[in-house]
Amino acid sequence: MKRLWAAARRAAAAFDAEDDPNEPAYDPIHLGAALVLTLLAIGALYWLLWTLLVFEGGLSSKIVPAFQLLLRIKTPAELGYRGPWDRGVFEGWLGNVAALLMSLVLVAALHRLYYGAARRARP
């Protein structure tokens, strides 16, 4: 029984020991902030990709009709355009183009960040 109490005292003393000042401290605020920022980044990426690829048919469904209009193969009326209230095939193009521009800016920023880190890492 004395051995059991001695082991219990040693285990309790391990929890009462002073923290090493060279060891990083655990801060729950940092963990919470990391979780919130991760969820924010995932949500922003989801919105960006959804707007680019899915919203009102996505950008890919508007590329061929845009070339048909530019090359004068079809008229806007043939593609369903009936005025600003009904754009036909081009419904939602502004959101798609905005998402494309935002994704290009994001990719360029990430490329610049990666290139700068790779350049600093070289001897």
PDB file of N, CA and C in Angstrom:
ATOM      1  N   MET A   1       0.814  -1.189   0.000  1.00  0.00           N
ATOM      2  CA  MET A   1       0.000   0.000   0.000  1.00  0.00           C
ATOM      3  C   MET A   1       0.868   1.268   0.000  1.00  0.00           C
ATOM      4  N   LYS A   2       2.014   1.186   0.719  1.00  0.00           N
ATOM      5  CA  LYS A   2       2.903   2.339   0.758  1.00  0.00           C
ATOM      6  C   LYS A   2       3.481   2.626  -0.624  1.00  0.00           C
ATOM      7  N   ARG A   3       3.756   1.578  -1.373  1.00  0.00           N
ATOM      8  CA  ARG A   3       4.270   1.776  -2.723  1.00  0.00           C
ATOM      9  C   ARG A   3       3.233   2.474  -3.604  1.00  0.00           C
ATOM     10  N   LEU A   4       1.971   2.114  -3.459  1.00  0.00           N
ATOM     11  CA  LEU A   4       0.895   2.730  -4.235  1.00  0.00           C
ATOM     12  C   LEU A   4       0.786   4.215  -3.916  1.00  0.00           C
ATOM     13  N   TRP A   5       0.869   4.567  -2.619  1.00  0.00           N
ATOM     14  CA  TRP A   5       0.807   5.975  -2.220  1.00  0.00           C
ATOM     15  C   TRP A   5       2.038   6.737  -2.727  1.00  0.00           C
ATOM     16  N   ALA A   6       3.174   6.103  -2.700  1.00  0.00           N
ATOM     17  CA  ALA A   6       4.391   6.761  -3.187  1.00  0.00           C
ATOM     18  C   ALA A   6       4.292   7.007  -4.699  1.00  0.00           C
ATOM     19  N   ALA A   7       3.764   6.063  -5.428  1.00  0.00           N
ATOM     20  CA  ALA A   7       3.577   6.235  -6.868  1.00  0.00           C
ATOM     21  C   ALA A   7       2.555   7.333  -7.149  1.00  0.00           C
ATOM     22  N   ALA A   8       1.507   7.405  -6.332  1.00  0.00           N
ATOM     23  CA  ALA A   8       0.502   8.450  -6.501  1.00  0.00           C
ATOM     24  C   ALA A   8       1.099   9.823  -6.215  1.00  0.00           C
ATOM     25  N   ARG A   9       1.947   9.930  -5.167  1.00  0.00           N
ATOM     26  CA  ARG A   9       2.599  11.206  -4.846  1.00  0.00           C
ATOM     27  C   ARG A   9       3.549  11.630  -5.974  1.00  0.00           C
ATOM     28  N   ARG A  10       4.291  10.665  -6.549  1.00  0.00           N
ATOM     29  CA  ARG A  10       5.190  10.993  -7.652  1.00  0.00           C
ATOM     30  C   ARG A  10       4.408  11.461  -8.886  1.00  0.00           C
ATOM     31  N   ALA A  11       3.278  10.825  -9.142  1.00  0.00           N
ATOM     32  CA  ALA A  11       2.439  11.231 -10.281  1.00  0.00           C
ATOM     33  C   ALA A  11       1.873  12.626 -10.051  1.00  0.00           C
ATOM     34  N   ALA A  12       1.444  12.919  -8.828  1.00  0.00           N
ATOM     35  CA  ALA A  12       0.925  14.253  -8.524  1.00  0.00           C
ATOM     36  C   ALA A  12       2.033  15.294  -8.592  1.00  0.00           C
ATOM     37  N   ALA A  13       3.249  14.935  -8.186  1.00  0.00           N
ATOM     38  CA  ALA A  13       4.373  15.869  -8.234  1.00  0.00           C
ATOM     39  C   ALA A  13       4.730  16.203  -9.680  1.00  0.00           C
ATOM     40  N   ALA A  14       4.496  15.289 -10.606  1.00  0.00           N
ATOM     41  CA  ALA A  14       4.787  15.557 -12.014  1.00  0.00           C
ATOM     42  C   ALA A  14       3.891  16.670 -12.544  1.00  0.00           C
ATOM     43  N   PHE A  15       2.647  16.752 -12.028  1.00  0.00           N
ATOM     44  CA  PHE A  15       1.741  17.808 -12.474  1.00  0.00           C
ATOM     45  C   PHE A  15       2.057  19.147 -11.811  1.00  0.00           C
ATOM     46  N   ASP A  16       2.699  19.131 -10.669  1.00  0.00           N
ATOM     47  CA  ASP A  16       3.046  20.357  -9.956  1.00  0.00           C
ATOM     48  C   ASP A  16       4.410  20.904 -10.347  1.00  0.00           C
ATOM     49  N   ALA A  17       5.128  20.232 -11.206  1.00  0.00           N
ATOM     50  CA  ALA A  17       6.472  20.672 -11.581  1.00  0.00           C
ATOM     51  C   ALA A  17       6.404  21.998 -12.335  1.00  0.00           C
ATOM     52  N   GLU A  18       7.453  22.772 -12.204  1.00  0.00           N
ATOM     53  CA  GLU A  18       7.545  24.056 -12.892  1.00  0.00           C
ATOM     54  C   GLU A  18       7.743  23.816 -14.392  1.00  0.00           C
ATOM     55  N   ASP A  19       7.185  24.706 -15.184  1.00  0.00           N
ATOM     56  CA  ASP A  19       7.334  24.605 -16.633  1.00  0.00           C
ATOM     57  C   ASP A  19       8.727  25.054 -17.052  1.00  0.00           C
ATOM     58  N   ASP A  20       9.228  24.400 -18.075  1.00  0.00           N
ATOM     59  CA  ASP A  20      10.521  24.766 -18.635  1.00  0.00           C
ATOM     60  C   ASP A  20      10.378  26.082 -19.391  1.00  0.00           C
ATOM     61  N   PRO A  21      11.161  27.122 -19.070  1.00  0.00           N
ATOM     62  CA  PRO A  21      10.994  28.400 -19.774  1.00  0.00           C
ATOM     63  C   PRO A  21      11.393  28.339 -21.249  1.00  0.00           C
ATOM     64  N   ASN A  22      12.164  27.354 -21.657  1.00  0.00           N
ATOM     65  CA  ASN A  22      12.564  27.225 -23.065  1.00  0.00           C
ATOM     66  C   ASN A  22      11.506  26.525 -23.912  1.00  0.00           C
ATOM     67  N   GLU A  23      10.524  25.921 -23.267  1.00  0.00           N
ATOM     68  CA  GLU A  23       9.482  25.199 -23.980  1.00  0.00           C
ATOM     69  C   GLU A  23       8.340  26.161 -24.314  1.00  0.00           C
ATOM     70  N   PRO A  24       7.805  26.094 -25.530  1.00  0.00           N
ATOM     71  CA  PRO A  24       6.707  27.003 -25.872  1.00  0.00           C
ATOM     72  C   PRO A  24       5.470  26.705 -25.028  1.00  0.00           C
ATOM     73  N   ALA A  25       4.764  27.752 -24.652  1.00  0.00           N
ATOM     74  CA  ALA A  25       3.578  27.603 -23.808  1.00  0.00           C
ATOM     75  C   ALA A  25       2.362  27.314 -24.680  1.00  0.00           C
ATOM     76  N   TYR A  26       1.464  26.548 -24.140  1.00  0.00           N
ATOM     77  CA  TYR A  26       0.210  26.234 -24.822  1.00  0.00           C
ATOM     78  C   TYR A  26      -0.770  27.366 -24.545  1.00  0.00           C
ATOM     79  N   ASP A  27      -1.329  27.916 -25.588  1.00  0.00           N
ATOM     80  CA  ASP A  27      -2.301  28.984 -25.421  1.00  0.00           C
ATOM     81  C   ASP A  27      -3.559  28.602 -26.200  1.00  0.00           C
ATOM     82  N   PRO A  28      -4.674  28.399 -25.505  1.00  0.00           N
ATOM     83  CA  PRO A  28      -5.894  27.996 -26.214  1.00  0.00           C
ATOM     84  C   PRO A  28      -6.411  29.062 -27.177  1.00  0.00           C
ATOM     85  N   ILE A  29      -6.050  30.317 -26.960  1.00  0.00           N
ATOM     86  CA  ILE A  29      -6.484  31.372 -27.884  1.00  0.00           C
ATOM     87  C   ILE A  29      -5.848  31.166 -29.264  1.00  0.00           C
ATOM     88  N   HIS A  30      -4.585  30.749 -29.284  1.00  0.00           N
ATOM     89  CA  HIS A  30      -3.927  30.487 -30.568  1.00  0.00           C
ATOM     90  C   HIS A  30      -4.588  29.332 -31.298  1.00  0.00           C
ATOM     91  N   LEU A  31      -4.940  28.296 -30.563  1.00  0.00           N
ATOM     92  CA  LEU A  31      -5.614  27.155 -31.181  1.00  0.00           C
ATOM     93  C   LEU A  31      -6.972  27.570 -31.736  1.00  0.00           C
ATOM     94  N   GLY A  32      -7.725  28.332 -30.958  1.00  0.00           N
ATOM     95  CA  GLY A  32      -9.034  28.801 -31.426  1.00  0.00           C
ATOM     96  C   GLY A  32      -8.911  29.692 -32.643  1.00  0.00           C
ATOM     97  N   ALA A  33      -7.931  30.594 -32.631  1.00  0.00           N
ATOM     98  CA  ALA A  33      -7.728  31.475 -33.781  1.00  0.00           C
ATOM     99  C   ALA A  33      -7.322  30.678 -35.014  1.00  0.00           C
ATOM    100  N   ALA A  34      -6.488  29.676 -34.829  1.00  0.00           N
ATOM    101  CA  ALA A  34      -6.079  28.842 -35.964  1.00  0.00           C
ATOM    102  C   ALA A  34      -7.280  28.097 -36.542  1.00  0.00           C
ATOM    103  N   LEU A  35      -8.152  27.595 -35.680  1.00  0.00           N
ATOM    104  CA  LEU A  35      -9.348  26.892 -36.167  1.00  0.00           C
ATOM    105  C   LEU A  35     -10.284  27.838 -36.906  1.00  0.00           C
ATOM    106  N   VAL A  36     -10.512  29.026 -36.358  1.00  0.00           N
ATOM    107  CA  VAL A  36     -11.404  29.985 -37.005  1.00  0.00           C
ATOM    108  C   VAL A  36     -10.836  30.433 -38.346  1.00  0.00           C
ATOM    109  N   LEU A  37      -9.543  30.721 -38.400  1.00  0.00           N
ATOM    110  CA  LEU A  37      -8.935  31.146 -39.666  1.00  0.00           C
ATOM    111  C   LEU A  37      -8.933  30.030 -40.708  1.00  0.00           C
ATOM    112  N   THR A  38      -8.762  28.790 -40.255  1.00  0.00           N
ATOM    113  CA  THR A  38      -8.827  27.659 -41.187  1.00  0.00           C
ATOM    114  C   THR A  38     -10.231  27.520 -41.763  1.00  0.00           C
ATOM    115  N   LEU A  39     -11.251  27.622 -40.917  1.00  0.00           N
ATOM    116  CA  LEU A  39     -12.626  27.544 -41.410  1.00  0.00           C
ATOM    117  C   LEU A  39     -12.951  28.709 -42.343  1.00  0.00           C
ATOM    118  N   LEU A  40     -12.432  29.881 -42.045  1.00  0.00           N
ATOM    119  CA  LEU A  40     -12.637  31.041 -42.909  1.00  0.00           C
ATOM    120  C   LEU A  40     -11.985  30.824 -44.273  1.00  0.00           C
ATOM    121  N   ALA A  41     -10.778  30.296 -44.287  1.00  0.00           N
ATOM    122  CA  ALA A  41     -10.088  30.044 -45.554  1.00  0.00           C
ATOM    123  C   ALA A  41     -10.808  28.973 -46.371  1.00  0.00           C
ATOM    124  N   ILE A  42     -11.286  27.923 -45.714  1.00  0.00           N
ATOM    125  CA  ILE A  42     -12.021  26.870 -46.426  1.00  0.00           C
ATOM    126  C   ILE A  42     -13.314  27.425 -47.001  1.00  0.00           C
ATOM    127  N   GLY A  43     -14.016  28.246 -46.227  1.00  0.00           N
ATOM    128  CA  GLY A  43     -15.259  28.854 -46.716  1.00  0.00           C
ATOM    129  C   GLY A  43     -15.020  29.782 -47.893  1.00  0.00           C
ATOM    130  N   ALA A  44     -13.959  30.587 -47.827  1.00  0.00           N
ATOM    131  CA  ALA A  44     -13.646  31.499 -48.931  1.00  0.00           C
ATOM    132  C   ALA A  44     -13.269  30.724 -50.191  1.00  0.00           C
ATOM    133  N   LEU A  45     -12.482  29.668 -50.032  1.00  0.00           N
ATOM    134  CA  LEU A  45     -12.112  28.846 -51.187  1.00  0.00           C
ATOM    135  C   LEU A  45     -13.337  28.157 -51.788  1.00  0.00           C
ATOM    136  N   TYR A  46     -14.234  27.665 -50.929  1.00  0.00           N
ATOM    137  CA  TYR A  46     -15.461  27.030 -51.414  1.00  0.00           C
ATOM    138  C   TYR A  46     -16.298  28.033 -52.206  1.00  0.00           C
ATOM    139  N   TRP A  47     -16.481  29.253 -51.652  1.00  0.00           N
ATOM    140  CA  TRP A  47     -17.274  30.262 -52.344  1.00  0.00           C
ATOM    141  C   TRP A  47     -16.646  30.605 -53.687  1.00  0.00           C
ATOM    142  N   LEU A  48     -15.333  30.758 -53.695  1.00  0.00           N
ATOM    143  CA  LEU A  48     -14.637  31.136 -54.927  1.00  0.00           C
ATOM    144  C   LEU A  48     -14.808  30.076 -56.007  1.00  0.00           C
ATOM    145  N   LEU A  49     -14.576  28.828 -55.654  1.00  0.00           N
ATOM    146  CA  LEU A  49     -14.696  27.753 -56.645  1.00  0.00           C
ATOM    147  C   LEU A  49     -16.146  27.524 -57.062  1.00  0.00           C
ATOM    148  N   TRP A  50     -17.077  27.635 -56.105  1.00  0.00           N
ATOM    149  CA  TRP A  50     -18.486  27.438 -56.450  1.00  0.00           C
ATOM    150  C   TRP A  50     -18.949  28.525 -57.400  1.00  0.00           C
ATOM    151  N   THR A  51     -18.580  29.772 -57.132  1.00  0.00           N
ATOM    152  CA  THR A  51     -18.985  30.871 -58.003  1.00  0.00           C
ATOM    153  C   THR A  51     -18.349  30.732 -59.382  1.00  0.00           C
ATOM    154  N   LEU A  52     -17.127  30.293 -59.415  1.00  0.00           N
ATOM    155  CA  LEU A  52     -16.430  30.149 -60.697  1.00  0.00           C
ATOM    156  C   LEU A  52     -16.981  28.995 -61.525  1.00  0.00           C
ATOM    157  N   LEU A  53     -17.264  27.861 -60.903  1.00  0.00           N
ATOM    158  CA  LEU A  53     -17.580  26.646 -61.652  1.00  0.00           C
ATOM    159  C   LEU A  53     -19.053  26.247 -61.674  1.00  0.00           C
ATOM    160  N   VAL A  54     -19.871  26.741 -60.718  1.00  0.00           N
ATOM    161  CA  VAL A  54     -21.241  26.247 -60.604  1.00  0.00           C
ATOM    162  C   VAL A  54     -22.292  27.339 -60.763  1.00  0.00           C
ATOM    163  N   PHE A  55     -22.077  28.522 -60.231  1.00  0.00           N
ATOM    164  CA  PHE A  55     -23.080  29.584 -60.195  1.00  0.00           C
ATOM    165  C   PHE A  55     -23.610  29.883 -61.595  1.00  0.00           C
ATOM    166  N   GLU A  56     -24.922  29.735 -61.771  1.00  0.00           N
ATOM    167  CA  GLU A  56     -25.610  30.002 -63.040  1.00  0.00           C
ATOM    168  C   GLU A  56     -24.954  29.291 -64.225  1.00  0.00           C
ATOM    169  N   GLY A  57     -24.498  28.071 -64.011  1.00  0.00           N
ATOM    170  CA  GLY A  57     -23.911  27.276 -65.085  1.00  0.00           C
ATOM    171  C   GLY A  57     -22.404  27.315 -65.129  1.00  0.00           C
ATOM    172  N   GLY A  58     -21.803  28.209 -64.364  1.00  0.00           N
ATOM    173  CA  GLY A  58     -20.342  28.288 -64.336  1.00  0.00           C
ATOM    174  C   GLY A  58     -19.779  29.016 -65.545  1.00  0.00           C
ATOM    175  N   LEU A  59     -18.532  29.345 -65.429  1.00  0.00           N
ATOM    176  CA  LEU A  59     -17.868  30.089 -66.497  1.00  0.00           C
ATOM    177  C   LEU A  59     -17.657  29.226 -67.737  1.00  0.00           C
ATOM    178  N   SER A  60     -17.453  27.937 -67.552  1.00  0.00           N
ATOM    179  CA  SER A  60     -17.174  27.067 -68.696  1.00  0.00           C
ATOM    180  C   SER A  60     -18.358  26.973 -69.654  1.00  0.00           C
ATOM    181  N   SER A  61     -19.587  27.147 -69.165  1.00  0.00           N
ATOM    182  CA  SER A  61     -20.750  27.080 -70.057  1.00  0.00           C
ATOM    183  C   SER A  61     -20.967  28.384 -70.817  1.00  0.00           C
ATOM    184  N   LYS A  62     -20.209  29.415 -70.496  1.00  0.00           N
ATOM    185  CA  LYS A  62     -20.376  30.711 -71.159  1.00  0.00           C
ATOM    186  C   LYS A  62     -19.255  30.999 -72.165  1.00  0.00           C
ATOM    187  N   ILE A  63     -18.228  30.189 -72.196  1.00  0.00           N
ATOM    188  CA  ILE A  63     -17.088  30.465 -73.071  1.00  0.00           C
ATOM    189  C   ILE A  63     -17.441  30.252 -74.547  1.00  0.00           C
ATOM    190  N   VAL A  64     -18.041  29.126 -74.878  1.00  0.00           N
ATOM    191  CA  VAL A  64     -18.391  28.842 -76.278  1.00  0.00           C
ATOM    192  C   VAL A  64     -19.427  29.837 -76.802  1.00  0.00           C
ATOM    193  N   PRO A  65     -20.520  30.135 -76.058  1.00  0.00           N
ATOM    194  CA  PRO A  65     -21.442  31.161 -76.569  1.00  0.00           C
ATOM    195  C   PRO A  65     -20.799  32.533 -76.713  1.00  0.00           C
ATOM    196  N   ALA A  66     -19.835  32.873 -75.858  1.00  0.00           N
ATOM    197  CA  ALA A  66     -19.156  34.166 -75.994  1.00  0.00           C
ATOM    198  C   ALA A  66     -18.356  34.214 -77.302  1.00  0.00           C
ATOM    199  N   PHE A  67     -17.674  33.130 -77.636  1.00  0.00           N
ATOM    200  CA  PHE A  67     -16.950  33.092 -78.913  1.00  0.00           C
ATOM    201  C   PHE A  67     -17.918  33.113 -80.098  1.00  0.00           C
ATOM    202  N   GLN A  68     -19.076  32.475 -79.954  1.00  0.00           N
ATOM    203  CA  GLN A  68     -20.074  32.514 -81.024  1.00  0.00           C
ATOM    204  C   GLN A  68     -20.578  33.935 -81.249  1.00  0.00           C
ATOM    205  N   LEU A  69     -20.713  34.691 -80.158  1.00  0.00           N
ATOM    206  CA  LEU A  69     -21.112  36.088 -80.312  1.00  0.00           C
ATOM    207  C   LEU A  69     -20.001  36.920 -80.925  1.00  0.00           C
ATOM    208  N   LEU A  70     -18.769  36.722 -80.466  1.00  0.00           N
ATOM    209  CA  LEU A  70     -17.646  37.501 -80.980  1.00  0.00           C
ATOM    210  C   LEU A  70     -17.400  37.235 -82.458  1.00  0.00           C
ATOM    211  N   LEU A  71     -17.584  36.001 -82.881  1.00  0.00           N
ATOM    212  CA  LEU A  71     -17.376  35.638 -84.288  1.00  0.00           C
ATOM    213  C   LEU A  71     -18.633  35.825 -85.135  1.00  0.00           C
ATOM    214  N   ARG A  72     -19.693  36.338 -84.519  1.00  0.00           N
ATOM    215  CA  ARG A  72     -20.976  36.627 -85.178  1.00  0.00           C
ATOM    216  C   ARG A  72     -21.611  35.386 -85.804  1.00  0.00           C
ATOM    217  N   ILE A  73     -21.431  34.252 -85.138  1.00  0.00           N
ATOM    218  CA  ILE A  73     -22.092  33.029 -85.591  1.00  0.00           C
ATOM    219  C   ILE A  73     -23.543  33.034 -85.133  1.00  0.00           C
ATOM    220  N   LYS A  74     -23.776  33.549 -83.907  1.00  0.00           N
ATOM    221  CA  LYS A  74     -25.127  33.641 -83.367  1.00  0.00           C
ATOM    222  C   LYS A  74     -25.367  35.048 -82.855  1.00  0.00           C
ATOM    223  N   THR A  75     -26.638  35.389 -82.747  1.00  0.00           N
ATOM    224  CA  THR A  75     -27.017  36.689 -82.195  1.00  0.00           C
ATOM    225  C   THR A  75     -27.340  36.515 -80.708  1.00  0.00           C
ATOM    226  N   PRO A  76     -27.351  37.609 -79.954  1.00  0.00           N
ATOM    227  CA  PRO A  76     -27.726  37.493 -78.539  1.00  0.00           C
ATOM    228  C   PRO A  76     -29.128  36.925 -78.347  1.00  0.00           C
ATOM    229  N   ALA A  77     -30.046  37.247 -79.232  1.00  0.00           N
ATOM    230  CA  ALA A  77     -31.413  36.732 -79.108  1.00  0.00           C
ATOM    231  C   ALA A  77     -31.438  35.209 -79.258  1.00  0.00           C
ATOM    232  N   GLU A  78     -30.585  34.671 -80.125  1.00  0.00           N
ATOM    233  CA  GLU A  78     -30.538  33.217 -80.295  1.00  0.00           C
ATOM    234  C   GLU A  78     -29.989  32.514 -79.052  1.00  0.00           C
ATOM    235  N   LEU A  79     -29.192  33.229 -78.268  1.00  0.00           N
ATOM    236  CA  LEU A  79     -28.640  32.654 -77.039  1.00  0.00           C
ATOM    237  C   LEU A  79     -29.518  32.934 -75.818  1.00  0.00           C
ATOM    238  N   GLY A  80     -30.690  33.527 -76.032  1.00  0.00           N
ATOM    239  CA  GLY A  80     -31.640  33.722 -74.949  1.00  0.00           C
ATOM    240  C   GLY A  80     -31.636  35.096 -74.322  1.00  0.00           C
ATOM    241  N   TYR A  81     -30.874  36.031 -74.856  1.00  0.00           N
ATOM    242  CA  TYR A  81     -30.817  37.376 -74.294  1.00  0.00           C
ATOM    243  C   TYR A  81     -32.084  38.143 -74.664  1.00  0.00           C
ATOM    244  N   ARG A  82     -32.818  38.618 -73.647  1.00  0.00           N
ATOM    245  CA  ARG A  82     -34.041  39.374 -73.872  1.00  0.00           C
ATOM    246  C   ARG A  82     -34.000  40.719 -73.149  1.00  0.00           C
ATOM    247  N   GLY A  83     -32.834  41.185 -72.828  1.00  0.00           N
ATOM    248  CA  GLY A  83     -32.707  42.454 -72.114  1.00  0.00           C
ATOM    249  C   GLY A  83     -32.006  42.245 -70.785  1.00  0.00           C
ATOM    250  N   PRO A  84     -31.855  43.331 -70.017  1.00  0.00           N
ATOM    251  CA  PRO A  84     -31.115  43.217 -68.758  1.00  0.00           C
ATOM    252  C   PRO A  84     -31.789  42.302 -67.730  1.00  0.00           C
ATOM    253  N   TRP A  85     -33.069  42.047 -67.848  1.00  0.00           N
ATOM    254  CA  TRP A  85     -33.771  41.209 -66.886  1.00  0.00           C
ATOM    255  C   TRP A  85     -33.632  39.717 -67.180  1.00  0.00           C
ATOM    256  N   ASP A  86     -33.330  39.385 -68.435  1.00  0.00           N
ATOM    257  CA  ASP A  86     -33.173  37.976 -68.813  1.00  0.00           C
ATOM    258  C   ASP A  86     -31.991  37.873 -69.774  1.00  0.00           C
ATOM    259  N   ARG A  87     -30.869  37.417 -69.254  1.00  0.00           N
ATOM    260  CA  ARG A  87     -29.636  37.387 -70.051  1.00  0.00           C
ATOM    261  C   ARG A  87     -29.404  36.054 -70.743  1.00  0.00           C
ATOM    262  N   GLY A  88     -30.298  35.129 -70.577  1.00  0.00           N
ATOM    263  CA  GLY A  88     -30.171  33.844 -71.257  1.00  0.00           C
ATOM    264  C   GLY A  88     -28.966  33.054 -70.787  1.00  0.00           C
ATOM    265  N   VAL A  89     -28.122  32.663 -71.727  1.00  0.00           N
ATOM    266  CA  VAL A  89     -26.934  31.859 -71.423  1.00  0.00           C
ATOM    267  C   VAL A  89     -25.971  32.618 -70.520  1.00  0.00           C
ATOM    268  N   PHE A  90     -25.970  33.933 -70.627  1.00  0.00           N
ATOM    269  CA  PHE A  90     -24.998  34.745 -69.901  1.00  0.00           C
ATOM    270  C   PHE A  90     -25.482  35.183 -68.521  1.00  0.00           C
ATOM    271  N   GLU A  91     -26.482  34.541 -68.002  1.00  0.00           N
ATOM    272  CA  GLU A  91     -26.962  34.842 -66.645  1.00  0.00           C
ATOM    273  C   GLU A  91     -25.865  34.501 -65.636  1.00  0.00           C
ATOM    274  N   GLY A  92     -25.490  35.461 -64.812  1.00  0.00           N
ATOM    275  CA  GLY A  92     -24.482  35.243 -63.780  1.00  0.00           C
ATOM    276  C   GLY A  92     -23.051  35.402 -64.243  1.00  0.00           C
ATOM    277  N   TRP A  93     -22.836  35.954 -65.430  1.00  0.00           N
ATOM    278  CA  TRP A  93     -21.472  36.069 -65.954  1.00  0.00           C
ATOM    279  C   TRP A  93     -20.623  37.007 -65.125  1.00  0.00           C
ATOM    280  N   LEU A  94     -21.228  38.032 -64.524  1.00  0.00           N
ATOM    281  CA  LEU A  94     -20.447  38.983 -63.741  1.00  0.00           C
ATOM    282  C   LEU A  94     -19.842  38.308 -62.508  1.00  0.00           C
ATOM    283  N   GLY A  95     -20.628  37.474 -61.833  1.00  0.00           N
ATOM    284  CA  GLY A  95     -20.102  36.724 -60.684  1.00  0.00           C
ATOM    285  C   GLY A  95     -19.018  35.742 -61.085  1.00  0.00           C
ATOM    286  N   ASN A  96     -19.205  35.071 -62.222  1.00  0.00           N
ATOM    287  CA  ASN A  96     -18.206  34.125 -62.710  1.00  0.00           C
ATOM    288  C   ASN A  96     -16.893  34.815 -63.041  1.00  0.00           C
ATOM    289  N   VAL A  97     -16.964  35.957 -63.712  1.00  0.00           N
ATOM    290  CA  VAL A  97     -15.751  36.684 -64.082  1.00  0.00           C
ATOM    291  C   VAL A  97     -15.065  37.251 -62.833  1.00  0.00           C
ATOM    292  N   ALA A  98     -15.865  37.741 -61.873  1.00  0.00           N
ATOM    293  CA  ALA A  98     -15.277  38.249 -60.627  1.00  0.00           C
ATOM    294  C   ALA A  98     -14.549  37.132 -59.879  1.00  0.00           C
ATOM    295  N   ALA A  99     -15.143  35.942 -59.837  1.00  0.00           N
ATOM    296  CA  ALA A  99     -14.484  34.807 -59.184  1.00  0.00           C
ATOM    297  C   ALA A  99     -13.221  34.404 -59.934  1.00  0.00           C
ATOM    298  N   LEU A 100     -13.244  34.487 -61.259  1.00  0.00           N
ATOM    299  CA  LEU A 100     -12.048  34.177 -62.045  1.00  0.00           C
ATOM    300  C   LEU A 100     -10.930  35.165 -61.731  1.00  0.00           C
ATOM    301  N   LEU A 101     -11.257  36.447 -61.662  1.00  0.00           N
ATOM    302  CA  LEU A 101     -10.241  37.455 -61.357  1.00  0.00           C
ATOM    303  C   LEU A 101      -9.694  37.265 -59.944  1.00  0.00           C
ATOM    304  N   MET A 102     -10.572  36.983 -58.988  1.00  0.00           N
ATOM    305  CA  MET A 102     -10.113  36.748 -57.609  1.00  0.00           C
ATOM    306  C   MET A 102      -9.228  35.518 -57.518  1.00  0.00           C
ATOM    307  N   SER A 103      -9.576  34.474 -58.238  1.00  0.00           N
ATOM    308  CA  SER A 103      -8.748  33.266 -58.195  1.00  0.00           C
ATOM    309  C   SER A 103      -7.396  33.511 -58.859  1.00  0.00           C
ATOM    310  N   LEU A 104      -7.357  34.311 -59.920  1.00  0.00           N
ATOM    311  CA  LEU A 104      -6.076  34.643 -60.548  1.00  0.00           C
ATOM    312  C   LEU A 104      -5.202  35.468 -59.609  1.00  0.00           C
ATOM    313  N   VAL A 105      -5.796  36.411 -58.891  1.00  0.00           N
ATOM    314  CA  VAL A 105      -5.045  37.207 -57.921  1.00  0.00           C
ATOM    315  C   VAL A 105      -4.523  36.314 -56.797  1.00  0.00           C
ATOM    316  N   LEU A 106      -5.359  35.385 -56.334  1.00  0.00           N
ATOM    317  CA  LEU A 106      -4.949  34.465 -55.268  1.00  0.00           C
ATOM    318  C   LEU A 106      -3.797  33.570 -55.724  1.00  0.00           C
ATOM    319  N   VAL A 107      -3.890  33.032 -56.929  1.00  0.00           N
ATOM    320  CA  VAL A 107      -2.820  32.176 -57.441  1.00  0.00           C
ATOM    321  C   VAL A 107      -1.537  32.975 -57.632  1.00  0.00           C
ATOM    322  N   ALA A 108      -1.652  34.211 -58.116  1.00  0.00           N
ATOM    323  CA  ALA A 108      -0.463  35.046 -58.298  1.00  0.00           C
ATOM    324  C   ALA A 108       0.181  35.381 -56.955  1.00  0.00           C
ATOM    325  N   ALA A 109      -0.635  35.669 -55.939  1.00  0.00           N
ATOM    326  CA  ALA A 109      -0.089  35.972 -54.612  1.00  0.00           C
ATOM    327  C   ALA A 109       0.595  34.755 -54.004  1.00  0.00           C
ATOM    328  N   LEU A 110      -0.014  33.587 -54.147  1.00  0.00           N
ATOM    329  CA  LEU A 110       0.601  32.369 -53.624  1.00  0.00           C
ATOM    330  C   LEU A 110       1.893  32.039 -54.373  1.00  0.00           C
ATOM    331  N   HIS A 111       1.906  32.266 -55.678  1.00  0.00           N
ATOM    332  CA  HIS A 111       3.117  32.023 -56.471  1.00  0.00           C
ATOM    333  C   HIS A 111       4.235  32.955 -56.037  1.00  0.00           C
ATOM    334  N   ARG A 112       3.895  34.213 -55.830  1.00  0.00           N
ATOM    335  CA  ARG A 112       4.908  35.177 -55.400  1.00  0.00           C
ATOM    336  C   ARG A 112       5.452  34.813 -54.014  1.00  0.00           C
ATOM    337  N   LEU A 113       4.569  34.405 -53.120  1.00  0.00           N
ATOM    338  CA  LEU A 113       4.990  34.001 -51.776  1.00  0.00           C
ATOM    339  C   LEU A 113       5.907  32.779 -51.836  1.00  0.00           C
ATOM    340  N   TYR A 114       5.529  31.787 -52.636  1.00  0.00           N
ATOM    341  CA  TYR A 114       6.341  30.584 -52.782  1.00  0.00           C
ATOM    342  C   TYR A 114       7.683  30.907 -53.436  1.00  0.00           C
ATOM    343  N   TYR A 115       7.663  31.716 -54.482  1.00  0.00           N
ATOM    344  CA  TYR A 115       8.904  32.061 -55.183  1.00  0.00           C
ATOM    345  C   TYR A 115       9.857  32.816 -54.269  1.00  0.00           C
ATOM    346  N   GLY A 116       9.320  33.725 -53.467  1.00  0.00           N
ATOM    347  CA  GLY A 116      10.166  34.462 -52.526  1.00  0.00           C
ATOM    348  C   GLY A 116      10.778  33.557 -51.472  1.00  0.00           C
ATOM    349  N   ALA A 117      10.009  32.613 -50.962  1.00  0.00           N
ATOM    350  CA  ALA A 117      10.547  31.672 -49.971  1.00  0.00           C
ATOM    351  C   ALA A 117      11.578  30.751 -50.605  1.00  0.00           C
ATOM    352  N   ALA A 118      11.345  30.314 -51.824  1.00  0.00           N
ATOM    353  CA  ALA A 118      12.309  29.433 -52.495  1.00  0.00           C
ATOM    354  C   ALA A 118      13.599  30.187 -52.794  1.00  0.00           C
ATOM    355  N   ARG A 119      13.492  31.455 -53.152  1.00  0.00           N
ATOM    356  CA  ARG A 119      14.685  32.245 -53.441  1.00  0.00           C
ATOM    357  C   ARG A 119      15.507  32.481 -52.180  1.00  0.00           C
ATOM    358  N   ARG A 120      14.831  32.729 -51.050  1.00  0.00           N
ATOM    359  CA  ARG A 120      15.567  32.923 -49.798  1.00  0.00           C
ATOM    360  C   ARG A 120      16.195  31.634 -49.286  1.00  0.00           C
ATOM    361  N   ALA A 121      15.631  30.493 -49.647  1.00  0.00           N
ATOM    362  CA  ALA A 121      16.147  29.209 -49.177  1.00  0.00           C
ATOM    363  C   ALA A 121      17.387  28.765 -49.947  1.00  0.00           C
ATOM    364  N   ARG A 122      17.592  29.311 -51.131  1.00  0.00           N
ATOM    365  CA  ARG A 122      18.766  28.940 -51.918  1.00  0.00           C
ATOM    366  C   ARG A 122      20.027  29.526 -51.296  1.00  0.00           C
ATOM    367  N   PRO A 123      21.112  28.770 -51.324  1.00  0.00           N
ATOM    368  CA  PRO A 123      22.362  29.305 -50.727  1.00  0.00           C
ATOM    369  C   PRO A 123      23.030  30.351 -51.587  1.00  0.00           C
TER     370      PRO A 123
END
